[in-house]
Amino acid sequence: MSFDKTKTDAEWRAELSPEQYRILREHGTERAFTGQYWDHHENGEYRCAACGEPLFSSTTKFDSGTGWPSFYQPLNADAVAEKTDTSYGMVRAEALCRRCGSHLGHVFPDGPAPTGTRYCINSASLTFQKKQD
């Protein structure tokens, strides 16, 4: 898989906080119910914390009860890439920013209608841009 926005490891480390680097570049996970956006309810757009790419709309965010921000679909079909993740003895779909390849979280087939999909995303992988009224 190739991505449009690439940087060296040193550049990513300089731009991201240690927690963001651990999650976005080292495929880490934040603890449930600790992230900035798991219980966030403002209207707007969630973007990749690494490159600023628009990823999800607040209109597709839902309370999954998992402690992580959950969405039933990306902002557009090209926003999020998926890759098979076999870590920790599981087989699941990893969600990546299509633009820079940063780890966002995972995708599960247990979301609400209309898609039945749950994008379970780390808050540290996101920034939020409030919708202007």
Protein backbone atom coordinates (compact mmCIF):
# COMPACT_ATOMS: atom_id res chain seq x y z
CA MET A 1 0.00 0.00 0.00
CA SER A 2 1.40 3.42 -0.87
CA PHE A 3 0.37 6.73 0.63
CA ASP A 4 0.46 10.30 -0.70
CA LYS A 5 2.00 11.97 2.35
CA THR A 6 5.17 10.29 3.56
CA LYS A 7 7.70 11.49 6.10
CA THR A 8 10.75 10.15 7.85
CA ASP A 9 10.46 8.67 11.31
CA ALA A 10 12.29 11.71 12.71
CA GLU A 11 9.82 14.08 11.03
CA TRP A 12 6.82 12.18 12.49
CA ARG A 13 8.41 12.19 15.96
CA ALA A 14 8.99 15.95 15.75
CA GLU A 15 5.38 16.69 14.72
CA LEU A 16 3.42 14.32 16.94
CA SER A 17 3.13 14.03 20.71
CA PRO A 18 4.65 10.84 22.17
CA GLU A 19 1.13 9.36 22.61
CA GLN A 20 0.11 10.26 19.05
CA TYR A 21 3.35 8.80 17.69
CA ARG A 22 2.82 5.55 19.63
CA ILE A 23 -0.70 5.17 18.27
CA LEU A 24 -0.47 6.65 14.77
CA ARG A 25 2.96 5.37 13.75
CA GLU A 26 3.51 2.33 16.00
CA HIS A 27 -0.07 1.01 15.73
CA GLY A 28 -0.83 1.42 19.42
CA THR A 29 -4.17 1.72 21.20
CA GLU A 30 -5.29 4.10 23.90
CA ARG A 31 -7.15 2.76 26.93
CA ALA A 32 -10.93 2.69 26.63
CA PHE A 33 -12.88 5.66 28.05
CA THR A 34 -9.74 7.84 28.26
CA GLY A 35 -9.56 9.57 24.88
CA GLN A 36 -10.68 13.10 24.14
CA TYR A 37 -13.42 12.14 21.66
CA TRP A 38 -15.08 8.96 22.97
CA ASP A 39 -17.90 11.00 24.56
CA HIS A 40 -17.73 14.03 22.24
CA HIS A 41 -20.99 15.31 20.73
CA GLU A 42 -20.28 18.54 18.79
CA ASN A 43 -21.15 18.86 15.09
CA GLY A 44 -18.21 18.88 12.72
CA GLU A 45 -15.50 16.85 11.10
CA TYR A 46 -12.89 14.48 12.53
CA ARG A 47 -9.51 14.64 10.79
CA CYS A 48 -6.28 12.64 10.85
CA ALA A 49 -4.08 14.00 13.66
CA ALA A 50 -0.98 13.30 11.56
CA CYS A 51 -1.83 14.91 8.21
CA GLY A 52 -5.16 16.72 8.62
CA GLU A 53 -7.05 14.58 6.10
CA PRO A 54 -10.85 14.70 6.67
CA LEU A 55 -11.92 11.22 7.84
CA PHE A 56 -15.31 11.14 9.58
CA SER A 57 -18.37 13.34 10.06
CA SER A 58 -20.01 13.78 13.44
CA THR A 59 -23.27 12.75 11.75
CA THR A 60 -21.97 9.15 11.48
CA LYS A 61 -20.62 8.98 15.05
CA PHE A 62 -22.50 6.75 17.49
CA ASP A 63 -22.16 5.48 21.06
CA SER A 64 -20.88 1.93 20.72
CA GLY A 65 -20.34 1.49 24.46
CA THR A 66 -16.71 0.51 23.81
CA GLY A 67 -15.03 3.66 25.13
CA TRP A 68 -13.58 4.71 21.77
CA PRO A 69 -15.04 7.07 19.17
CA SER A 70 -17.09 4.94 16.79
CA PHE A 71 -18.41 5.79 13.34
CA TYR A 72 -20.55 3.75 10.94
CA GLN A 73 -18.83 5.10 7.80
CA PRO A 74 -15.96 7.36 6.71
CA LEU A 75 -16.54 10.84 5.31
CA ASN A 76 -15.99 9.45 1.81
CA ALA A 77 -15.04 6.09 0.29
CA ASP A 78 -11.40 7.11 -0.16
CA ALA A 79 -10.75 8.47 3.34
CA VAL A 80 -9.89 5.26 5.20
CA ALA A 81 -7.84 2.31 3.97
CA GLU A 82 -8.17 -1.15 5.50
CA LYS A 83 -5.47 -3.74 6.04
CA THR A 84 -5.63 -7.19 7.65
CA ASP A 85 -4.19 -7.15 11.18
CA THR A 86 -3.25 -10.50 12.74
CA SER A 87 -1.66 -9.14 15.92
CA TYR A 88 -2.52 -10.55 19.36
CA GLY A 89 -3.81 -13.81 17.89
CA MET A 90 -6.80 -12.11 16.23
CA VAL A 91 -7.77 -11.44 12.63
CA ARG A 92 -9.34 -8.02 12.17
CA ALA A 93 -9.32 -5.08 9.79
CA GLU A 94 -6.98 -2.21 10.69
CA ALA A 95 -8.17 1.29 9.74
CA LEU A 96 -5.47 3.54 8.24
CA CYS A 97 -5.51 7.11 6.99
CA ARG A 98 -5.56 6.74 3.20
CA ARG A 99 -3.39 9.86 2.78
CA CYS A 100 -0.51 9.22 5.21
CA GLY A 101 -0.90 5.59 6.32
CA SER A 102 -1.29 6.40 10.01
CA HIS A 103 -2.99 3.85 12.24
CA LEU A 104 -6.47 5.01 13.26
CA GLY A 105 -8.00 1.94 14.90
CA HIS A 106 -9.95 -1.09 13.67
CA VAL A 107 -13.08 -1.91 11.69
CA PHE A 108 -15.71 -4.39 12.90
CA PRO A 109 -18.91 -5.81 11.34
CA ASP A 110 -21.11 -4.98 14.36
CA GLY A 111 -22.15 -1.38 13.72
CA PRO A 112 -25.61 0.14 13.28
CA ALA A 113 -27.64 0.61 10.12
CA PRO A 114 -27.26 1.66 7.43
CA THR A 115 -23.79 0.07 7.06
CA GLY A 116 -23.53 -2.48 9.87
CA THR A 117 -19.90 -1.37 10.22
CA ARG A 118 -18.14 0.05 13.29
CA TYR A 119 -14.97 2.09 12.78
CA CYS A 120 -13.47 1.97 16.28
CA ILE A 121 -10.97 4.85 16.28
CA ASN A 122 -8.41 6.13 18.79
CA SER A 123 -9.03 9.71 19.91
CA ALA A 124 -5.28 10.37 19.66
CA SER A 125 -5.53 9.61 15.93
CA LEU A 126 -8.00 12.46 15.45
CA THR A 127 -8.42 16.21 15.59
CA PHE A 128 -11.81 17.87 15.44
CA GLN A 129 -12.98 20.80 13.38
CA LYS A 130 -16.26 22.23 14.65
CA LYS A 131 -18.92 22.94 12.03
CA GLN A 132 -19.41 26.66 11.53
CA ASP A 133 -23.08 27.63 11.82
